Amino acid sequence: MPARYADYLPAGPTNLPHFPPPPPDSPPNRLINDLPNHQPILIPYQTPPDSLGLFRIYAEKPTLIPTANEGLDAIADAPTFETWGNSQLSQSQIVPGLPSQEIRLEDIFSPFSSLTAGLLMCWQYSGANSKSSAEMKRLTRDFLDDDEYRREDMRIFDDVREKRLMKEYLKDRSNPFRVENGWRSSSVKIRLPKEKVKFASEEDAPELEITGVHHRSLTDIITSVFEDTIVSTFHLTPFHQQWKTSDDRTIKVYSEAYSSPAFLEAHEEINSLPRDPGDNLERVVASLMMWSDGTHLANFGDASLWPFYLCFGNQSKYTRGKPTASACHHVAYIPNVCSISFVFY
């Protein structure tokens, strides 16, 4: 194959050797001095340069270095990519980051009249908004070829009925998807300006209460994500990334949030806090990246929502930019008070 046709990803970091189990009275990657507050000392750790001359300097020896991506389809979406994987539906494929441990795999299709109906409704509400040829292949490969799919159930399938069953199921407080495990509804009070009127203070301005602000708990989102298997791809220990050139020069490389100075400072800050006796737990930073913008709900008309999203800076930017990675987590939906657009800083 000519070199100009070779698509490849930059080589990942050199894998660390297997870590031996640490002594029970010592944290795995730190030295604890004899000060009364048990403040840890971070020992830097450097990886060897990879094939492109990139290497990392960690603040301490990491307990995990995520495995490098092995192909372009791992970080990008395109209908021309040849994808491999299990055709059977898994819990993480349907509902990533489940909000409660009560939700089991068999609960996912509980609202529907049959497993076949649940598979078809899952296909309809996932993937692309307009079903392309790639989506049709996904239907035949991942849904119609599933062991739970029954041809006899298709004879009585009615999408209107299945939507009604979903709505009735969510109203039942005994289901594991109840509101306590996910979304909440609150009200927000804001002060309003008044034309040609000057107030002595902001408290004297008229107040408007906005109801119907749907939101989720940030703590619940962080907990569910870090309990998910996806955390094995997160970078929990920040690092300086540098490039060693052919003429032995060293150049700093800025690429990801987990290699930024802010992430390194936050990591050093939480690890400099005093520890209780016997506290050998690893301390990591959960980097929260917030984003919000108005979203149109239809190709025609002015129906819209203002969602609020959360991404994790511990995850690679290539994964966060991949739509099918489900890397954006819904935090809130802001109701439209009027036609005025609000800008968040």
C-alpha atoms as a PDB file:
ATOM      1  CA  MET A   1       0.000   0.000   0.000  1.00  0.00           C
ATOM      2  CA  PRO A   2       1.491   3.399  -0.932  1.00  0.00           C
ATOM      3  CA  ALA A   3       2.309   5.512   2.109  1.00  0.00           C
ATOM      4  CA  ARG A   4       0.019   8.360   1.046  1.00  0.00           C
ATOM      5  CA  TYR A   5      -3.000   6.059   1.427  1.00  0.00           C
ATOM      6  CA  ALA A   6      -2.135   4.913   4.930  1.00  0.00           C
ATOM      7  CA  ASP A   7      -4.460   6.353   7.563  1.00  0.00           C
ATOM      8  CA  TYR A   8      -3.071   5.916  11.052  1.00  0.00           C
ATOM      9  CA  LEU A   9      -3.424   7.399  14.480  1.00  0.00           C
ATOM     10  CA  PRO A  10      -0.470   8.944  16.313  1.00  0.00           C
ATOM     11  CA  ALA A  11       1.082   6.309  18.490  1.00  0.00           C
ATOM     12  CA  GLY A  12      -0.177   6.175  22.037  1.00  0.00           C
ATOM     13  CA  PRO A  13       1.967   6.238  25.142  1.00  0.00           C
ATOM     14  CA  THR A  14       4.221   3.332  25.924  1.00  0.00           C
ATOM     15  CA  ASN A  15       2.307   0.903  28.093  1.00  0.00           C
ATOM     16  CA  LEU A  16       3.435   0.573  31.649  1.00  0.00           C
ATOM     17  CA  PRO A  17       4.609  -2.812  32.932  1.00  0.00           C
ATOM     18  CA  HIS A  18       2.372  -4.753  35.271  1.00  0.00           C
ATOM     19  CA  PHE A  19       2.219  -3.118  38.691  1.00  0.00           C
ATOM     20  CA  PRO A  20       3.007  -5.392  41.626  1.00  0.00           C
ATOM     21  CA  PRO A  21       0.482  -5.161  44.478  1.00  0.00           C
ATOM     22  CA  PRO A  22       1.457  -2.368  46.928  1.00  0.00           C
ATOM     23  CA  PRO A  23       2.092  -3.054  50.601  1.00  0.00           C
ATOM     24  CA  PRO A  24      -1.149  -2.771  52.614  1.00  0.00           C
ATOM     25  CA  ASP A  25       0.217   0.038  54.793  1.00  0.00           C
ATOM     26  CA  SER A  26       1.432   2.222  51.920  1.00  0.00           C
ATOM     27  CA  PRO A  27      -0.374   4.033  49.091  1.00  0.00           C
ATOM     28  CA  PRO A  28       0.487   2.627  45.665  1.00  0.00           C
ATOM     29  CA  ASN A  29       2.121   5.609  43.957  1.00  0.00           C
ATOM     30  CA  ARG A  30       3.163   8.028  46.697  1.00  0.00           C
ATOM     31  CA  LEU A  31       5.501   8.371  49.611  1.00  0.00           C
ATOM     32  CA  ILE A  32       3.973   9.439  52.905  1.00  0.00           C
ATOM     33  CA  ASN A  33       6.262  11.415  55.144  1.00  0.00           C
ATOM     34  CA  ASP A  34       6.197  11.481  58.940  1.00  0.00           C
ATOM     35  CA  LEU A  35       4.469  14.853  59.275  1.00  0.00           C
ATOM     36  CA  PRO A  36       1.470  14.895  61.605  1.00  0.00           C
ATOM     37  CA  ASN A  37      -0.937  15.780  58.778  1.00  0.00           C
ATOM     38  CA  HIS A  38       0.208  12.816  56.627  1.00  0.00           C
ATOM     39  CA  GLN A  39       0.693  15.038  53.584  1.00  0.00           C
ATOM     40  CA  PRO A  40       1.797  12.951  50.571  1.00  0.00           C
ATOM     41  CA  ILE A  41       4.809  13.651  48.397  1.00  0.00           C
ATOM     42  CA  LEU A  42       4.204  13.209  44.667  1.00  0.00           C
ATOM     43  CA  ILE A  43       7.049  11.531  42.781  1.00  0.00           C
ATOM     44  CA  PRO A  44       7.138  12.395  39.041  1.00  0.00           C
ATOM     45  CA  TYR A  45       7.047   9.538  36.554  1.00  0.00           C
ATOM     46  CA  GLN A  46       8.184   9.716  32.894  1.00  0.00           C
ATOM     47  CA  THR A  47       7.255   7.395  30.042  1.00  0.00           C
ATOM     48  CA  PRO A  48       9.709   6.491  27.259  1.00  0.00           C
ATOM     49  CA  PRO A  49       9.199   8.299  23.908  1.00  0.00           C
ATOM     50  CA  ASP A  50       6.875   6.572  21.466  1.00  0.00           C
ATOM     51  CA  SER A  51       7.484   6.114  17.739  1.00  0.00           C
ATOM     52  CA  LEU A  52       6.703   9.811  17.106  1.00  0.00           C
ATOM     53  CA  GLY A  53       8.954  11.071  19.887  1.00  0.00           C
ATOM     54  CA  LEU A  54       6.083  11.952  22.271  1.00  0.00           C
ATOM     55  CA  PHE A  55       6.494  11.206  25.959  1.00  0.00           C
ATOM     56  CA  ARG A  56       4.718  12.122  29.163  1.00  0.00           C
ATOM     57  CA  ILE A  57       5.817  13.375  32.549  1.00  0.00           C
ATOM     58  CA  TYR A  58       3.241  12.477  35.199  1.00  0.00           C
ATOM     59  CA  ALA A  59       2.972  14.182  38.564  1.00  0.00           C
ATOM     60  CA  GLU A  60       3.079  10.676  40.038  1.00  0.00           C
ATOM     61  CA  LYS A  61       3.206   7.117  38.767  1.00  0.00           C
ATOM     62  CA  PRO A  62      -0.324   6.526  37.388  1.00  0.00           C
ATOM     63  CA  THR A  63      -2.421   3.542  38.342  1.00  0.00           C
ATOM     64  CA  LEU A  64      -3.943   3.521  34.863  1.00  0.00           C
ATOM     65  CA  ILE A  65      -2.905   4.604  31.378  1.00  0.00           C
ATOM     66  CA  PRO A  66      -5.850   4.032  29.009  1.00  0.00           C
ATOM     67  CA  THR A  67      -5.131   1.795  26.075  1.00  0.00           C
ATOM     68  CA  ALA A  68      -4.394   3.715  22.895  1.00  0.00           C
ATOM     69  CA  ASN A  69      -7.088   3.687  20.200  1.00  0.00           C
ATOM     70  CA  GLU A  70      -6.411   1.015  17.605  1.00  0.00           C
ATOM     71  CA  GLY A  71      -8.264   2.473  14.628  1.00  0.00           C
ATOM     72  CA  LEU A  72      -9.950   5.521  13.179  1.00  0.00           C
ATOM     73  CA  ASP A  73     -13.391   4.055  13.879  1.00  0.00           C
ATOM     74  CA  ALA A  74     -12.581   4.204  17.612  1.00  0.00           C
ATOM     75  CA  ILE A  75     -12.500   8.022  17.600  1.00  0.00           C
ATOM     76  CA  ALA A  76     -14.611   9.018  14.577  1.00  0.00           C
ATOM     77  CA  ASP A  77     -17.956   8.240  12.955  1.00  0.00           C
ATOM     78  CA  ALA A  78     -18.280   7.647   9.243  1.00  0.00           C
ATOM     79  CA  PRO A  79     -20.539   5.333   7.217  1.00  0.00           C
ATOM     80  CA  THR A  80     -17.501   4.122   5.254  1.00  0.00           C
ATOM     81  CA  PHE A  81     -15.754   2.714   8.346  1.00  0.00           C
ATOM     82  CA  GLU A  82     -15.836  -1.022   8.754  1.00  0.00           C
ATOM     83  CA  THR A  83     -16.942  -1.652  12.339  1.00  0.00           C
ATOM     84  CA  TRP A  84     -16.528  -4.836  14.300  1.00  0.00           C
ATOM     85  CA  GLY A  85     -18.191  -5.901  17.485  1.00  0.00           C
ATOM     86  CA  ASN A  86     -20.873  -7.976  19.105  1.00  0.00           C
ATOM     87  CA  SER A  87     -24.201  -7.708  17.349  1.00  0.00           C
ATOM     88  CA  GLN A  88     -26.028  -8.465  20.590  1.00  0.00           C
ATOM     89  CA  LEU A  89     -27.401  -5.450  22.394  1.00  0.00           C
ATOM     90  CA  SER A  90     -25.741  -4.744  25.720  1.00  0.00           C
ATOM     91  CA  GLN A  91     -26.823  -2.580  28.631  1.00  0.00           C
ATOM     92  CA  SER A  92     -24.138   0.030  27.955  1.00  0.00           C
ATOM     93  CA  GLN A  93     -25.172   0.281  24.280  1.00  0.00           C
ATOM     94  CA  ILE A  94     -28.780   1.133  25.121  1.00  0.00           C
ATOM     95  CA  VAL A  95     -28.611   3.125  28.338  1.00  0.00           C
ATOM     96  CA  PRO A  96     -25.063   4.401  29.019  1.00  0.00           C
ATOM     97  CA  GLY A  97     -24.505   5.653  32.561  1.00  0.00           C
ATOM     98  CA  LEU A  98     -27.554   4.162  34.251  1.00  0.00           C
ATOM     99  CA  PRO A  99     -28.670   6.425  37.145  1.00  0.00           C
ATOM    100  CA  SER A 100     -29.363   3.614  39.600  1.00  0.00           C
ATOM    101  CA  GLN A 101     -27.982   0.199  40.469  1.00  0.00           C
ATOM    102  CA  GLU A 102     -31.604  -0.993  40.726  1.00  0.00           C
ATOM    103  CA  ILE A 103     -31.903  -0.957  36.941  1.00  0.00           C
ATOM    104  CA  ARG A 104     -31.045  -4.342  35.530  1.00  0.00           C
ATOM    105  CA  LEU A 105     -30.689  -5.456  31.921  1.00  0.00           C
ATOM    106  CA  GLU A 106     -34.168  -7.031  31.847  1.00  0.00           C
ATOM    107  CA  ASP A 107     -35.732  -3.740  33.062  1.00  0.00           C
ATOM    108  CA  ILE A 108     -34.778  -1.895  29.895  1.00  0.00           C
ATOM    109  CA  PHE A 109     -37.572  -3.449  27.799  1.00  0.00           C
ATOM    110  CA  SER A 110     -40.174  -3.550  30.587  1.00  0.00           C
ATOM    111  CA  PRO A 111     -42.355  -0.708  29.198  1.00  0.00           C
ATOM    112  CA  PHE A 112     -42.948  -2.438  25.854  1.00  0.00           C
ATOM    113  CA  SER A 113     -45.388  -5.108  24.785  1.00  0.00           C
ATOM    114  CA  SER A 114     -42.556  -7.399  23.673  1.00  0.00           C
ATOM    115  CA  LEU A 115     -38.789  -7.525  23.339  1.00  0.00           C
ATOM    116  CA  THR A 116     -39.194  -7.182  19.574  1.00  0.00           C
ATOM    117  CA  ALA A 117     -41.140  -3.943  20.018  1.00  0.00           C
ATOM    118  CA  GLY A 118     -38.479  -2.658  22.420  1.00  0.00           C
ATOM    119  CA  LEU A 119     -35.715  -3.395  19.921  1.00  0.00           C
ATOM    120  CA  LEU A 120     -37.490  -1.524  17.138  1.00  0.00           C
ATOM    121  CA  MET A 121     -38.300   1.467  19.350  1.00  0.00           C
ATOM    122  CA  CYS A 122     -34.661   1.554  20.480  1.00  0.00           C
ATOM    123  CA  TRP A 123     -33.541   1.673  16.861  1.00  0.00           C
ATOM    124  CA  GLN A 124     -36.005   4.475  16.079  1.00  0.00           C
ATOM    125  CA  TYR A 125     -34.778   6.730  18.906  1.00  0.00           C
ATOM    126  CA  SER A 126     -31.045   6.066  18.493  1.00  0.00           C
ATOM    127  CA  GLY A 127     -28.478   6.761  15.820  1.00  0.00           C
ATOM    128  CA  ALA A 128     -29.072   9.392  13.133  1.00  0.00           C
ATOM    129  CA  ASN A 129     -32.158  11.611  12.986  1.00  0.00           C
ATOM    130  CA  SER A 130     -32.655  10.720   9.316  1.00  0.00           C
ATOM    131  CA  LYS A 131     -32.217   6.999   8.787  1.00  0.00           C
ATOM    132  CA  SER A 132     -29.526   6.470   6.153  1.00  0.00           C
ATOM    133  CA  SER A 133     -28.278   3.296   4.512  1.00  0.00           C
ATOM    134  CA  ALA A 134     -25.828   2.918   7.392  1.00  0.00           C
ATOM    135  CA  GLU A 135     -28.756   3.088   9.833  1.00  0.00           C
ATOM    136  CA  MET A 136     -30.605   0.446   7.837  1.00  0.00           C
ATOM    137  CA  LYS A 137     -27.550  -1.816   8.093  1.00  0.00           C
ATOM    138  CA  ARG A 138     -27.513  -1.182  11.838  1.00  0.00           C
ATOM    139  CA  LEU A 139     -31.184  -2.200  11.994  1.00  0.00           C
ATOM    140  CA  THR A 140     -30.583  -5.513  10.268  1.00  0.00           C
ATOM    141  CA  ARG A 141     -27.282  -6.247  12.038  1.00  0.00           C
ATOM    142  CA  ASP A 142     -27.939  -5.121  15.623  1.00  0.00           C
ATOM    143  CA  PHE A 143     -31.728  -5.405  16.003  1.00  0.00           C
ATOM    144  CA  LEU A 144     -33.334  -7.807  13.527  1.00  0.00           C
ATOM    145  CA  ASP A 145     -30.474 -10.256  14.052  1.00  0.00           C
ATOM    146  CA  ASP A 146     -30.807 -10.113  17.835  1.00  0.00           C
ATOM    147  CA  ASP A 147     -31.743 -13.351  19.606  1.00  0.00           C
ATOM    148  CA  GLU A 148     -34.650 -11.567  21.326  1.00  0.00           C
ATOM    149  CA  TYR A 149     -36.250 -10.517  18.025  1.00  0.00           C
ATOM    150  CA  ARG A 150     -39.408 -12.477  17.164  1.00  0.00           C
ATOM    151  CA  ARG A 151     -40.984 -12.304  13.720  1.00  0.00           C
ATOM    152  CA  GLU A 152     -44.436 -13.187  15.091  1.00  0.00           C
ATOM    153  CA  ASP A 153     -44.352 -10.069  17.319  1.00  0.00           C
ATOM    154  CA  MET A 154     -43.953  -7.880  14.238  1.00  0.00           C
ATOM    155  CA  ARG A 155     -47.418  -8.805  13.006  1.00  0.00           C
ATOM    156  CA  ILE A 156     -49.000  -6.868  15.907  1.00  0.00           C
ATOM    157  CA  PHE A 157     -46.374  -4.152  16.270  1.00  0.00           C
ATOM    158  CA  ASP A 158     -47.795  -0.627  16.566  1.00  0.00           C
ATOM    159  CA  ASP A 159     -45.408   2.251  17.313  1.00  0.00           C
ATOM    160  CA  VAL A 160     -48.251   4.468  18.618  1.00  0.00           C
ATOM    161  CA  ARG A 161     -49.180   1.827  21.172  1.00  0.00           C
ATOM    162  CA  GLU A 162     -45.558   1.372  22.241  1.00  0.00           C
ATOM    163  CA  LYS A 163     -45.173   5.114  22.821  1.00  0.00           C
ATOM    164  CA  ARG A 164     -48.323   5.084  24.944  1.00  0.00           C
ATOM    165  CA  LEU A 165     -47.007   2.126  26.957  1.00  0.00           C
ATOM    166  CA  MET A 166     -43.730   3.975  27.573  1.00  0.00           C
ATOM    167  CA  LYS A 167     -45.610   7.023  28.831  1.00  0.00           C
ATOM    168  CA  GLU A 168     -47.769   4.957  31.186  1.00  0.00           C
ATOM    169  CA  TYR A 169     -44.757   3.005  32.431  1.00  0.00           C
ATOM    170  CA  LEU A 170     -42.867   6.165  33.395  1.00  0.00           C
ATOM    171  CA  LYS A 171     -45.877   7.381  35.394  1.00  0.00           C
ATOM    172  CA  ASP A 172     -45.665   4.306  37.610  1.00  0.00           C
ATOM    173  CA  ARG A 173     -43.493   5.232  40.600  1.00  0.00           C
ATOM    174  CA  SER A 174     -42.546   1.583  41.155  1.00  0.00           C
ATOM    175  CA  ASN A 175     -40.431   1.425  38.007  1.00  0.00           C
ATOM    176  CA  PRO A 176     -36.622   1.669  38.414  1.00  0.00           C
ATOM    177  CA  PHE A 177     -36.494   4.703  36.091  1.00  0.00           C
ATOM    178  CA  ARG A 178     -38.462   6.875  38.533  1.00  0.00           C
ATOM    179  CA  VAL A 179     -37.675  10.545  38.949  1.00  0.00           C
ATOM    180  CA  GLU A 180     -35.612  10.036  42.116  1.00  0.00           C
ATOM    181  CA  ASN A 181     -32.980   8.311  39.981  1.00  0.00           C
ATOM    182  CA  GLY A 182     -32.829  10.933  37.301  1.00  0.00           C
ATOM    183  CA  TRP A 183     -34.558  14.179  36.423  1.00  0.00           C
ATOM    184  CA  ARG A 184     -35.981  16.733  38.836  1.00  0.00           C
ATOM    185  CA  SER A 185     -38.131  19.803  38.234  1.00  0.00           C
ATOM    186  CA  SER A 186     -37.421  23.078  40.040  1.00  0.00           C
ATOM    187  CA  SER A 187     -38.093  26.784  39.777  1.00  0.00           C
ATOM    188  CA  VAL A 188     -35.604  29.626  39.436  1.00  0.00           C
ATOM    189  CA  LYS A 189     -36.103  33.248  40.486  1.00  0.00           C
ATOM    190  CA  ILE A 190     -34.399  36.014  38.517  1.00  0.00           C
ATOM    191  CA  ARG A 191     -34.381  39.798  38.874  1.00  0.00           C
ATOM    192  CA  LEU A 192     -35.656  41.840  35.930  1.00  0.00           C
ATOM    193  CA  PRO A 193     -34.734  45.335  34.758  1.00  0.00           C
ATOM    194  CA  LYS A 194     -37.452  47.936  34.178  1.00  0.00           C
ATOM    195  CA  GLU A 195     -37.283  50.583  31.495  1.00  0.00           C
ATOM    196  CA  LYS A 196     -36.606  54.128  32.757  1.00  0.00           C
ATOM    197  CA  VAL A 197     -36.551  52.956  36.381  1.00  0.00           C
ATOM    198  CA  LYS A 198     -33.456  52.897  38.568  1.00  0.00           C
ATOM    199  CA  PHE A 199     -33.412  50.697  41.661  1.00  0.00           C
ATOM    200  CA  ALA A 200     -31.282  51.264  44.742  1.00  0.00           C
ATOM    201  CA  SER A 201     -30.132  47.643  44.708  1.00  0.00           C
ATOM    202  CA  GLU A 202     -30.749  44.426  42.826  1.00  0.00           C
ATOM    203  CA  GLU A 203     -33.007  43.187  45.635  1.00  0.00           C
ATOM    204  CA  ASP A 204     -35.452  46.016  44.865  1.00  0.00           C
ATOM    205  CA  ALA A 205     -35.898  44.957  41.234  1.00  0.00           C
ATOM    206  CA  PRO A 206     -39.004  42.962  40.287  1.00  0.00           C
ATOM    207  CA  GLU A 207     -38.625  39.210  40.563  1.00  0.00           C
ATOM    208  CA  LEU A 208     -39.765  36.612  38.056  1.00  0.00           C
ATOM    209  CA  GLU A 209     -40.134  32.966  39.006  1.00  0.00           C
ATOM    210  CA  ILE A 210     -39.492  30.519  36.176  1.00  0.00           C
ATOM    211  CA  THR A 211     -40.989  27.089  36.696  1.00  0.00           C
ATOM    212  CA  GLY A 212     -40.362  23.867  34.849  1.00  0.00           C
ATOM    213  CA  VAL A 213     -36.547  23.882  34.927  1.00  0.00           C
ATOM    214  CA  HIS A 214     -35.699  20.202  34.496  1.00  0.00           C
ATOM    215  CA  HIS A 215     -32.283  19.198  35.790  1.00  0.00           C
ATOM    216  CA  ARG A 216     -30.166  16.349  37.116  1.00  0.00           C
ATOM    217  CA  SER A 217     -27.787  16.160  40.043  1.00  0.00           C
ATOM    218  CA  LEU A 218     -24.138  16.652  39.077  1.00  0.00           C
ATOM    219  CA  THR A 219     -23.114  14.276  41.847  1.00  0.00           C
ATOM    220  CA  ASP A 220     -25.386  11.565  40.455  1.00  0.00           C
ATOM    221  CA  ILE A 221     -23.926  12.007  36.979  1.00  0.00           C
ATOM    222  CA  ILE A 222     -20.339  11.841  38.238  1.00  0.00           C
ATOM    223  CA  THR A 223     -21.118   8.769  40.344  1.00  0.00           C
ATOM    224  CA  SER A 224     -22.864   6.891  37.529  1.00  0.00           C
ATOM    225  CA  VAL A 225     -20.092   7.663  35.022  1.00  0.00           C
ATOM    226  CA  PHE A 226     -17.265   6.657  37.343  1.00  0.00           C
ATOM    227  CA  GLU A 227     -19.105   3.424  38.204  1.00  0.00           C
ATOM    228  CA  ASP A 228     -19.439   2.627  34.487  1.00  0.00           C
ATOM    229  CA  THR A 229     -16.851   0.620  32.552  1.00  0.00           C
ATOM    230  CA  ILE A 230     -16.204   3.711  30.399  1.00  0.00           C
ATOM    231  CA  VAL A 231     -14.020   5.069  33.217  1.00  0.00           C
ATOM    232  CA  SER A 232     -11.290   2.626  32.105  1.00  0.00           C
ATOM    233  CA  THR A 233     -10.720   5.010  29.156  1.00  0.00           C
ATOM    234  CA  PHE A 234     -10.471   8.100  31.404  1.00  0.00           C
ATOM    235  CA  HIS A 235      -7.157   9.775  32.221  1.00  0.00           C
ATOM    236  CA  LEU A 236      -7.168  10.082  35.998  1.00  0.00           C
ATOM    237  CA  THR A 237      -3.579  11.261  36.397  1.00  0.00           C
ATOM    238  CA  PRO A 238      -2.607  14.440  34.482  1.00  0.00           C
ATOM    239  CA  PHE A 239       0.738  14.848  32.756  1.00  0.00           C
ATOM    240  CA  HIS A 240       2.986  17.169  30.790  1.00  0.00           C
ATOM    241  CA  GLN A 241       3.292  15.975  27.215  1.00  0.00           C
ATOM    242  CA  GLN A 242       6.500  16.757  25.371  1.00  0.00           C
ATOM    243  CA  TRP A 243       8.034  16.008  22.006  1.00  0.00           C
ATOM    244  CA  LYS A 244      11.651  15.005  21.553  1.00  0.00           C
ATOM    245  CA  THR A 245      12.753  16.111  18.092  1.00  0.00           C
ATOM    246  CA  SER A 246      15.336  14.424  15.906  1.00  0.00           C
ATOM    247  CA  ASP A 247      17.913  17.054  16.913  1.00  0.00           C
ATOM    248  CA  ASP A 248      17.316  16.295  20.642  1.00  0.00           C
ATOM    249  CA  ARG A 249      15.201  19.390  21.318  1.00  0.00           C
ATOM    250  CA  THR A 250      12.276  19.099  23.734  1.00  0.00           C
ATOM    251  CA  ILE A 251       9.033  20.922  22.887  1.00  0.00           C
ATOM    252  CA  LYS A 252       5.906  21.082  25.040  1.00  0.00           C
ATOM    253  CA  VAL A 253       2.751  19.729  23.428  1.00  0.00           C
ATOM    254  CA  TYR A 254      -0.724  20.971  24.370  1.00  0.00           C
ATOM    255  CA  SER A 255      -3.488  18.686  23.216  1.00  0.00           C
ATOM    256  CA  GLU A 256      -5.979  17.456  25.826  1.00  0.00           C
ATOM    257  CA  ALA A 257      -7.639  18.861  28.950  1.00  0.00           C
ATOM    258  CA  TYR A 258      -5.882  16.276  31.128  1.00  0.00           C
ATOM    259  CA  SER A 259      -2.479  17.580  29.969  1.00  0.00           C
ATOM    260  CA  SER A 260      -3.324  21.234  30.643  1.00  0.00           C
ATOM    261  CA  PRO A 261      -1.701  23.353  33.400  1.00  0.00           C
ATOM    262  CA  ALA A 262      -5.109  23.872  35.083  1.00  0.00           C
ATOM    263  CA  PHE A 263      -5.661  20.121  35.399  1.00  0.00           C
ATOM    264  CA  LEU A 264      -2.160  19.622  36.813  1.00  0.00           C
ATOM    265  CA  GLU A 265      -2.659  22.410  39.351  1.00  0.00           C
ATOM    266  CA  ALA A 266      -5.974  20.934  40.495  1.00  0.00           C
ATOM    267  CA  HIS A 267      -4.359  17.501  40.856  1.00  0.00           C
ATOM    268  CA  GLU A 268      -1.524  18.887  42.961  1.00  0.00           C
ATOM    269  CA  GLU A 269      -3.990  20.890  45.074  1.00  0.00           C
ATOM    270  CA  ILE A 270      -6.186  17.942  46.075  1.00  0.00           C
ATOM    271  CA  ASN A 271      -3.147  15.754  46.768  1.00  0.00           C
ATOM    272  CA  SER A 272      -1.599  18.394  49.026  1.00  0.00           C
ATOM    273  CA  LEU A 273      -4.581  18.325  51.385  1.00  0.00           C
ATOM    274  CA  PRO A 274      -4.032  16.604  54.754  1.00  0.00           C
ATOM    275  CA  ARG A 275      -5.030  12.980  55.089  1.00  0.00           C
ATOM    276  CA  ASP A 276      -6.562  11.085  57.928  1.00  0.00           C
ATOM    277  CA  PRO A 277      -4.507   8.217  59.371  1.00  0.00           C
ATOM    278  CA  GLY A 278      -4.945   5.130  57.212  1.00  0.00           C
ATOM    279  CA  ASP A 279      -6.311   7.069  54.225  1.00  0.00           C
ATOM    280  CA  ASN A 280      -4.434   5.563  51.278  1.00  0.00           C
ATOM    281  CA  LEU A 281      -7.127   6.131  48.639  1.00  0.00           C
ATOM    282  CA  GLU A 282      -6.128   7.606  45.313  1.00  0.00           C
ATOM    283  CA  ARG A 283      -7.270  11.190  44.762  1.00  0.00           C
ATOM    284  CA  VAL A 284      -8.290  12.141  41.243  1.00  0.00           C
ATOM    285  CA  VAL A 285      -9.814  15.198  39.560  1.00  0.00           C
ATOM    286  CA  ALA A 286     -13.151  14.963  37.746  1.00  0.00           C
ATOM    287  CA  SER A 287     -12.878  17.607  35.033  1.00  0.00           C
ATOM    288  CA  LEU A 288     -16.357  18.925  34.217  1.00  0.00           C
ATOM    289  CA  MET A 289     -16.838  20.728  30.901  1.00  0.00           C
ATOM    290  CA  MET A 290     -20.194  22.535  30.653  1.00  0.00           C
ATOM    291  CA  TRP A 291     -21.840  23.556  27.394  1.00  0.00           C
ATOM    292  CA  SER A 292     -25.190  25.020  26.433  1.00  0.00           C
ATOM    293  CA  ASP A 293     -26.868  26.325  23.314  1.00  0.00           C
ATOM    294  CA  GLY A 294     -30.320  26.552  21.762  1.00  0.00           C
ATOM    295  CA  THR A 295     -31.359  23.449  19.825  1.00  0.00           C
ATOM    296  CA  HIS A 296     -34.015  23.273  17.109  1.00  0.00           C
ATOM    297  CA  LEU A 297     -36.312  20.257  17.370  1.00  0.00           C
ATOM    298  CA  ALA A 298     -37.675  20.199  13.825  1.00  0.00           C
ATOM    299  CA  ASN A 299     -36.582  20.921  10.282  1.00  0.00           C
ATOM    300  CA  PHE A 300     -39.547  23.272   9.886  1.00  0.00           C
ATOM    301  CA  GLY A 301     -41.028  25.674  12.427  1.00  0.00           C
ATOM    302  CA  ASP A 302     -39.554  27.278  15.512  1.00  0.00           C
ATOM    303  CA  ALA A 303     -39.871  24.462  18.076  1.00  0.00           C
ATOM    304  CA  SER A 304     -36.699  24.503  20.176  1.00  0.00           C
ATOM    305  CA  LEU A 305     -35.152  23.653  23.533  1.00  0.00           C
ATOM    306  CA  TRP A 306     -32.208  25.037  25.469  1.00  0.00           C
ATOM    307  CA  PRO A 307     -30.331  21.998  26.822  1.00  0.00           C
ATOM    308  CA  PHE A 308     -27.370  22.075  29.189  1.00  0.00           C
ATOM    309  CA  TYR A 309     -24.689  19.442  28.665  1.00  0.00           C
ATOM    310  CA  LEU A 310     -21.781  18.062  30.660  1.00  0.00           C
ATOM    311  CA  CYS A 311     -18.645  16.396  29.283  1.00  0.00           C
ATOM    312  CA  PHE A 312     -15.663  15.018  31.174  1.00  0.00           C
ATOM    313  CA  GLY A 313     -12.231  16.482  30.479  1.00  0.00           C
ATOM    314  CA  ASN A 314     -10.735  13.167  31.650  1.00  0.00           C
ATOM    315  CA  GLN A 315     -11.946  11.719  28.352  1.00  0.00           C
ATOM    316  CA  SER A 316     -10.127  12.245  25.071  1.00  0.00           C
ATOM    317  CA  LYS A 317     -11.406  15.081  22.898  1.00  0.00           C
ATOM    318  CA  TYR A 318     -11.629  12.632  19.996  1.00  0.00           C
ATOM    319  CA  THR A 319     -14.064  10.463  21.951  1.00  0.00           C
ATOM    320  CA  ARG A 320     -16.069  13.492  23.120  1.00  0.00           C
ATOM    321  CA  GLY A 321     -16.429  14.576  19.486  1.00  0.00           C
ATOM    322  CA  LYS A 322     -17.803  11.208  18.403  1.00  0.00           C
ATOM    323  CA  PRO A 323     -21.637  11.309  18.471  1.00  0.00           C
ATOM    324  CA  THR A 324     -22.126   7.592  19.076  1.00  0.00           C
ATOM    325  CA  ALA A 325     -19.792   7.638  22.103  1.00  0.00           C
ATOM    326  CA  SER A 326     -22.569   9.158  24.285  1.00  0.00           C
ATOM    327  CA  ALA A 327     -19.917  11.350  25.908  1.00  0.00           C
ATOM    328  CA  CYS A 328     -22.275  14.333  26.478  1.00  0.00           C
ATOM    329  CA  HIS A 329     -24.518  14.022  29.512  1.00  0.00           C
ATOM    330  CA  HIS A 330     -27.732  16.015  29.823  1.00  0.00           C
ATOM    331  CA  VAL A 331     -27.730  18.184  32.954  1.00  0.00           C
ATOM    332  CA  ALA A 332     -30.668  20.555  32.501  1.00  0.00           C
ATOM    333  CA  TYR A 333     -33.260  21.944  30.128  1.00  0.00           C
ATOM    334  CA  ILE A 334     -33.795  25.687  30.374  1.00  0.00           C
ATOM    335  CA  PRO A 335     -37.301  26.844  29.390  1.00  0.00           C
ATOM    336  CA  ASN A 336     -37.686  29.673  26.899  1.00  0.00           C
ATOM    337  CA  VAL A 337     -39.118  32.686  28.718  1.00  0.00           C
ATOM    338  CA  CYS A 338     -39.274  34.858  25.606  1.00  0.00           C
ATOM    339  CA  SER A 339     -37.498  35.344  22.322  1.00  0.00           C
ATOM    340  CA  ILE A 340     -34.460  36.900  24.005  1.00  0.00           C
ATOM    341  CA  SER A 341     -31.355  34.721  23.891  1.00  0.00           C
ATOM    342  CA  PHE A 342     -29.350  34.299  27.087  1.00  0.00           C
ATOM    343  CA  VAL A 343     -25.573  34.080  26.864  1.00  0.00           C
ATOM    344  CA  PHE A 344     -23.652  32.080  29.514  1.00  0.00           C
ATOM    345  CA  TYR A 345     -20.160  33.139  30.541  1.00  0.00           C
END
